């Protein structure tokens, strides 16, 4: 059940790439309309955050209680982990393919490994992790290699996707260091609600006429995007509570794999190529390498416990 749940969460996160790309076309959002992307992201994550907080209010309202100091952290965390990260993500994804975006965003796993090396004395970069980093970043470079064997890089496209991944990694370190005493569901619910509210406060007053044209399919895609965030986060944190983070995180290699495959299926004009498949394999190998602990090490840990 743990393996199935981890795989299910990773597939859900992977499905976000084609869903958002199709949403942009369905809602007739211009590629360069930054404000429309901010508003769309704000509505999605406000829905997701409120669903989580409402669930806590109904089933375990004690977990909603936070101190003043914790709430100040939640405000900062919401700005960085939701508002800033998804500003980069939504606007970057509008300028790259769904398959390319799925591979680029996976760089967050490797950024986290590098940051952990400097923050934690017991989490240094080993030879195994170095191999994983090299393989992973090689895959990301390969995904951006053009048909003419030239590296394609635009700051507001590929650059924004990498910044989204880096911001997510910084948020991961912040959550581990500062979110003391805050339940993961509470942290996620407030983080999404606060960050999304900021995005809407900035975006709605500047939203142009007809910048977003909602259709029944558009509303359905928005609702699915909100529910996938709520479901994936809730299930992921549930299995993390009872299992080792390193062993569970290994399954995140499925996110770029499912993102690429689903993009090829659902986004018109996108198809799997030898270059994309090679890049995807390198990224998957890298994620597995930096997270895999090995049966021998796991058995030693079980004997010690």
Protein backbone atom coordinates (compact mmCIF):
# COMPACT_ATOMS: atom_id res chain seq x y z
CA UNK A 1 0.00 0.00 0.00
CA UNK A 2 2.87 2.37 0.76
CA UNK A 3 4.44 1.76 -2.65
CA UNK A 4 1.08 2.13 -4.44
CA UNK A 5 0.34 5.36 -2.56
CA UNK A 6 3.78 6.83 -3.37
CA UNK A 7 3.38 5.93 -7.05
CA UNK A 8 -0.15 7.37 -7.10
CA UNK A 9 1.04 10.69 -5.62
CA UNK A 10 3.89 10.92 -8.13
CA UNK A 11 1.53 10.27 -11.05
CA UNK A 12 -0.84 12.95 -9.73
CA UNK A 13 1.99 15.50 -9.61
CA UNK A 14 3.10 14.43 -13.09
CA UNK A 15 -0.41 14.98 -14.45
CA UNK A 16 -0.21 18.65 -13.47
CA UNK A 17 1.97 19.43 -16.50
CA UNK A 18 -0.49 18.46 -19.27
CA UNK A 19 -3.44 19.73 -17.19
CA UNK A 20 -1.92 23.22 -16.89
CA UNK A 21 -0.78 23.35 -20.53
CA UNK A 22 -4.27 22.35 -21.73
CA UNK A 23 -5.81 24.84 -19.26
CA UNK A 24 -3.82 27.71 -20.75
CA UNK A 25 -5.29 27.00 -24.19
CA UNK A 26 -8.80 26.23 -22.94
CA UNK A 27 -8.97 29.44 -20.88
CA UNK A 28 -7.41 31.44 -23.75
CA UNK A 29 -4.59 32.87 -21.63
CA UNK A 30 -1.89 34.65 -23.63
CA UNK A 31 1.56 33.13 -23.25
CA UNK A 32 3.07 36.42 -22.00
CA UNK A 33 0.16 37.34 -19.68
CA UNK A 34 1.89 37.04 -16.31
CA UNK A 35 -1.06 38.42 -14.33
CA UNK A 36 -3.50 35.86 -15.73
CA UNK A 37 -1.14 33.05 -14.68
CA UNK A 38 -0.86 34.54 -11.17
CA UNK A 39 -4.66 34.72 -10.80
CA UNK A 40 -5.19 31.20 -12.14
CA UNK A 41 -2.55 29.80 -9.77
CA UNK A 42 -4.03 31.81 -6.90
CA UNK A 43 -7.52 30.40 -7.43
CA UNK A 44 -6.18 26.84 -7.70
CA UNK A 45 -4.11 26.93 -4.53
CA UNK A 46 -6.68 28.88 -2.52
CA UNK A 47 -9.17 26.11 -3.27
CA UNK A 48 -6.60 23.44 -2.35
CA UNK A 49 -5.62 25.19 0.89
CA UNK A 50 -9.21 25.80 1.98
CA UNK A 51 -10.11 22.15 1.31
CA UNK A 52 -7.28 21.01 3.62
CA UNK A 53 -8.13 23.55 6.35
CA UNK A 54 -11.83 22.67 6.16
CA UNK A 55 -10.96 18.99 6.54
CA UNK A 56 -8.90 19.75 9.63
CA UNK A 57 -11.70 21.94 11.03
CA UNK A 58 -14.18 19.07 10.67
CA UNK A 59 -12.03 16.11 11.74
CA UNK A 60 -9.31 17.50 14.02
CA UNK A 61 -9.59 21.20 14.73
CA UNK A 62 -6.88 21.04 17.42
CA UNK A 63 -4.29 20.75 14.67
CA UNK A 64 -5.32 24.15 13.31
CA UNK A 65 -4.01 25.91 16.43
CA UNK A 66 -0.65 27.63 15.96
CA UNK A 67 1.26 30.14 18.05
CA UNK A 68 1.93 33.71 16.94
CA UNK A 69 5.54 32.84 16.13
CA UNK A 70 4.45 29.82 14.10
CA UNK A 71 1.91 31.90 12.16
CA UNK A 72 4.62 34.45 11.26
CA UNK A 73 6.65 31.56 9.87
CA UNK A 74 3.60 30.32 7.95
CA UNK A 75 3.24 33.74 6.31
CA UNK A 76 6.88 33.77 5.19
CA UNK A 77 6.67 30.12 4.14
CA UNK A 78 3.49 30.74 2.14
CA UNK A 79 5.11 33.65 0.29
CA UNK A 80 8.20 31.61 -0.65
CA UNK A 81 6.81 28.11 -1.12
CA UNK A 82 3.54 29.04 -2.83
CA UNK A 83 3.48 32.61 -4.17
CA UNK A 84 7.10 32.87 -5.35
CA UNK A 85 7.57 29.25 -6.43
CA UNK A 86 4.38 29.09 -8.47
CA UNK A 87 4.91 32.52 -9.99
CA UNK A 88 8.03 31.06 -11.59
CA UNK A 89 6.41 27.69 -12.29
CA UNK A 90 3.23 28.89 -14.02
CA UNK A 91 4.95 31.54 -16.14
CA UNK A 92 7.88 29.28 -17.01
CA UNK A 93 5.64 26.36 -17.99
CA UNK A 94 3.73 28.63 -20.39
CA UNK A 95 6.95 29.03 -22.45
CA UNK A 96 8.24 25.43 -22.47
CA UNK A 97 6.66 22.14 -23.50
CA UNK A 98 4.94 19.98 -20.92
CA UNK A 99 7.58 17.27 -21.34
CA UNK A 100 10.44 19.74 -20.96
CA UNK A 101 8.79 21.29 -17.90
CA UNK A 102 8.40 17.88 -16.22
CA UNK A 103 12.12 17.23 -16.62
CA UNK A 104 13.25 20.72 -15.60
CA UNK A 105 11.20 20.84 -12.40
CA UNK A 106 12.78 17.57 -11.27
CA UNK A 107 15.98 19.55 -10.69
CA UNK A 108 14.44 20.45 -7.31
CA UNK A 109 15.47 17.01 -6.02
CA UNK A 110 19.10 17.74 -6.90
CA UNK A 111 19.02 21.30 -5.54
CA UNK A 112 17.77 19.89 -2.22
CA UNK A 113 20.73 17.48 -2.08
CA UNK A 114 23.18 20.35 -2.64
CA UNK A 115 21.52 22.61 -0.04
CA UNK A 116 21.38 19.78 2.51
CA UNK A 117 25.15 19.33 2.13
CA UNK A 118 25.70 22.83 3.54
CA UNK A 119 22.93 22.77 6.17
CA UNK A 120 23.36 19.32 7.73
CA UNK A 121 26.62 17.76 8.87
CA UNK A 122 25.15 14.24 8.58
CA UNK A 123 23.82 14.73 5.04
CA UNK A 124 26.95 15.40 2.99
CA UNK A 125 27.32 14.74 -0.72
CA UNK A 126 28.74 11.24 -1.15
CA UNK A 127 30.14 9.54 -4.25
CA UNK A 128 26.71 7.97 -4.85
CA UNK A 129 24.96 11.32 -4.55
CA UNK A 130 27.57 12.99 -6.77
CA UNK A 131 26.87 10.39 -9.46
CA UNK A 132 23.15 11.04 -9.10
CA UNK A 133 23.65 14.81 -9.35
CA UNK A 134 25.79 14.48 -12.47
CA UNK A 135 23.30 12.11 -14.13
CA UNK A 136 20.33 14.28 -13.18
CA UNK A 137 21.76 17.57 -14.37
CA UNK A 138 23.05 15.88 -17.54
CA UNK A 139 19.46 14.86 -18.25
CA UNK A 140 18.23 18.42 -17.68
CA UNK A 141 20.88 19.78 -20.07
CA UNK A 142 19.96 17.11 -22.64
CA UNK A 143 16.28 18.10 -22.43
CA UNK A 144 17.23 21.66 -23.43
CA UNK A 145 19.50 20.70 -26.30
CA UNK A 146 18.02 21.95 -29.56
CA UNK A 147 17.75 20.14 -32.87
CA UNK A 148 20.82 22.02 -34.11
CA UNK A 149 22.85 20.76 -31.11
CA UNK A 150 22.72 24.16 -29.43
CA UNK A 151 21.75 24.68 -25.82
CA UNK A 152 18.37 26.45 -25.64
CA UNK A 153 17.95 28.62 -22.54
CA UNK A 154 15.61 31.56 -21.95
CA UNK A 155 15.49 33.16 -18.51
CA UNK A 156 11.68 33.58 -18.53
CA UNK A 157 11.17 30.02 -19.74
CA UNK A 158 13.74 27.39 -18.74
CA UNK A 159 15.22 29.83 -16.21
CA UNK A 160 11.87 30.30 -14.47
CA UNK A 161 11.37 26.51 -14.23
CA UNK A 162 14.79 26.12 -12.59
CA UNK A 163 14.01 29.00 -10.20
CA UNK A 164 10.73 27.29 -9.29
CA UNK A 165 12.66 24.12 -8.48
CA UNK A 166 15.25 26.05 -6.45
CA UNK A 167 12.54 27.90 -4.51
CA UNK A 168 10.85 24.59 -3.74
CA UNK A 169 14.15 23.21 -2.41
CA UNK A 170 14.66 26.26 -0.17
CA UNK A 171 11.12 25.75 1.13
CA UNK A 172 11.92 22.11 1.92
CA UNK A 173 14.89 23.15 4.06
CA UNK A 174 12.81 25.86 5.75
CA UNK A 175 10.04 23.40 6.58
CA UNK A 176 12.48 20.93 8.11
CA UNK A 177 14.27 23.60 10.15
CA UNK A 178 11.52 25.97 11.21
CA UNK A 179 8.15 24.17 11.07
CA UNK A 180 8.62 22.74 14.56
CA UNK A 181 5.37 21.61 16.18
CA UNK A 182 3.22 22.30 13.09
CA UNK A 183 1.35 19.30 11.69
CA UNK A 184 2.13 18.69 7.99
CA UNK A 185 -1.55 19.09 6.99
CA UNK A 186 -1.74 22.38 8.88
CA UNK A 187 1.51 23.57 7.35
CA UNK A 188 0.34 22.73 3.83
CA UNK A 189 -3.16 24.16 4.25
CA UNK A 190 -2.00 27.51 5.65
CA UNK A 191 0.95 27.70 3.25
CA UNK A 192 -1.31 27.29 0.21
CA UNK A 193 -4.02 29.61 1.55
CA UNK A 194 -1.65 32.43 2.53
CA UNK A 195 0.46 32.24 -0.64
CA UNK A 196 -2.60 32.01 -2.89
CA UNK A 197 -4.29 34.95 -1.15
CA UNK A 198 -1.20 37.08 -1.83
CA UNK A 199 -1.20 36.06 -5.49
CA UNK A 200 -4.87 37.02 -5.83
CA UNK A 201 -4.40 40.36 -4.04
CA UNK A 202 -1.65 41.24 -6.50
CA UNK A 203 -3.20 39.71 -9.62
CA UNK A 204 -6.94 40.42 -9.53
CA UNK A 205 -6.71 44.27 -9.55
CA UNK A 206 -4.38 44.08 -12.59
CA UNK A 207 -6.27 41.38 -14.50
CA UNK A 208 -7.25 42.55 -17.96
CA UNK A 209 -10.67 42.12 -19.54
CA UNK A 210 -11.15 38.68 -21.08
CA UNK A 211 -7.63 37.65 -19.93
CA UNK A 212 -9.19 34.40 -18.67
CA UNK A 213 -12.24 32.94 -20.39
CA UNK A 214 -13.74 30.19 -18.25
CA UNK A 215 -15.53 27.30 -19.91
CA UNK A 216 -17.06 24.16 -18.37
CA UNK A 217 -13.91 22.24 -19.29
CA UNK A 218 -11.77 25.07 -17.89
CA UNK A 219 -13.59 24.92 -14.55
CA UNK A 220 -13.19 21.15 -14.51
CA UNK A 221 -9.45 21.40 -15.14
CA UNK A 222 -9.11 24.02 -12.38
CA UNK A 223 -11.01 21.85 -9.90
CA UNK A 224 -8.90 18.81 -10.81
CA UNK A 225 -5.69 20.82 -10.38
CA UNK A 226 -6.81 21.94 -6.91
CA UNK A 227 -7.86 18.43 -5.86
CA UNK A 228 -4.66 16.83 -7.12
CA UNK A 229 -2.62 19.17 -4.92
CA UNK A 230 -4.76 18.46 -1.85
CA UNK A 231 -4.87 14.69 -2.41
CA UNK A 232 -1.19 14.27 -3.29
CA UNK A 233 0.06 16.35 -0.35
CA UNK A 234 -2.29 14.67 2.15
CA UNK A 235 -1.39 11.13 1.05
CA UNK A 236 2.33 11.89 0.72
CA UNK A 237 2.62 13.35 4.20
CA UNK A 238 0.62 10.42 5.58
CA UNK A 239 3.07 7.81 4.28
CA UNK A 240 6.06 9.98 5.24
CA UNK A 241 4.83 9.93 8.84
CA UNK A 242 5.31 6.15 9.08
CA UNK A 243 8.16 5.52 6.62
CA UNK A 244 11.70 6.74 5.98
CA UNK A 245 11.84 9.87 3.86
CA UNK A 246 14.75 8.62 1.76
CA UNK A 247 13.03 5.39 0.80
CA UNK A 248 9.76 7.12 -0.08
CA UNK A 249 11.43 9.99 -1.96
CA UNK A 250 12.95 7.50 -4.39
CA UNK A 251 9.52 7.15 -5.99
CA UNK A 252 9.59 10.81 -7.05
CA UNK A 253 11.43 9.71 -10.18
CA UNK A 254 7.96 8.68 -11.40
CA UNK A 255 6.82 12.35 -11.46
CA UNK A 256 8.92 13.43 -14.47
CA UNK A 257 8.30 10.06 -16.15
CA UNK A 258 4.52 10.35 -15.83
CA UNK A 259 4.65 14.06 -16.69
CA UNK A 260 6.45 13.35 -19.96
CA UNK A 261 4.22 10.41 -20.93
CA UNK A 262 0.96 12.21 -20.07
CA UNK A 263 2.13 15.35 -21.90
CA UNK A 264 2.82 13.29 -25.02
CA UNK A 265 -0.69 11.79 -24.77
CA UNK A 266 -2.78 14.86 -23.98
CA UNK A 267 -0.92 17.91 -25.35
CA UNK A 268 -1.31 18.40 -29.12
CA UNK A 269 2.02 18.59 -30.94
CA UNK A 270 4.11 17.00 -28.20
CA UNK A 271 5.62 13.59 -28.86
CA UNK A 272 8.29 11.41 -27.34
CA UNK A 273 11.67 11.67 -29.03
CA UNK A 274 14.94 9.83 -28.52
CA UNK A 275 16.40 12.99 -26.95
CA UNK A 276 13.52 13.36 -24.46
CA UNK A 277 13.61 9.66 -23.57
CA UNK A 278 17.38 9.82 -23.00
CA UNK A 279 17.05 12.95 -20.85
CA UNK A 280 14.25 11.33 -18.86
CA UNK A 281 16.30 8.20 -18.21
CA UNK A 282 19.23 10.27 -16.92
CA UNK A 283 16.97 12.26 -14.58
CA UNK A 284 15.28 9.08 -13.29
CA UNK A 285 18.67 7.42 -12.69
CA UNK A 286 19.86 10.53 -10.87
CA UNK A 287 16.83 10.68 -8.56
CA UNK A 288 17.08 6.97 -7.76
CA UNK A 289 20.83 7.23 -7.12
CA UNK A 290 20.61 10.13 -4.64
CA UNK A 291 17.75 8.52 -2.69
CA UNK A 292 18.46 4.79 -2.82
CA UNK A 293 19.83 3.49 0.50
CA UNK A 294 20.31 -0.15 -0.47
CA UNK A 295 19.05 -3.30 1.17
CA UNK A 296 22.19 -3.83 3.27
CA UNK A 297 22.04 -0.35 4.81
CA UNK A 298 18.31 -0.69 5.50
CA UNK A 299 18.81 -4.05 7.21
CA UNK A 300 21.53 -2.55 9.43
CA UNK A 301 19.15 0.24 10.41
CA UNK A 302 16.43 -2.30 11.26
CA UNK A 303 18.82 -4.31 13.45
CA UNK A 304 19.87 -1.15 15.33
CA UNK A 305 16.23 -0.22 15.95
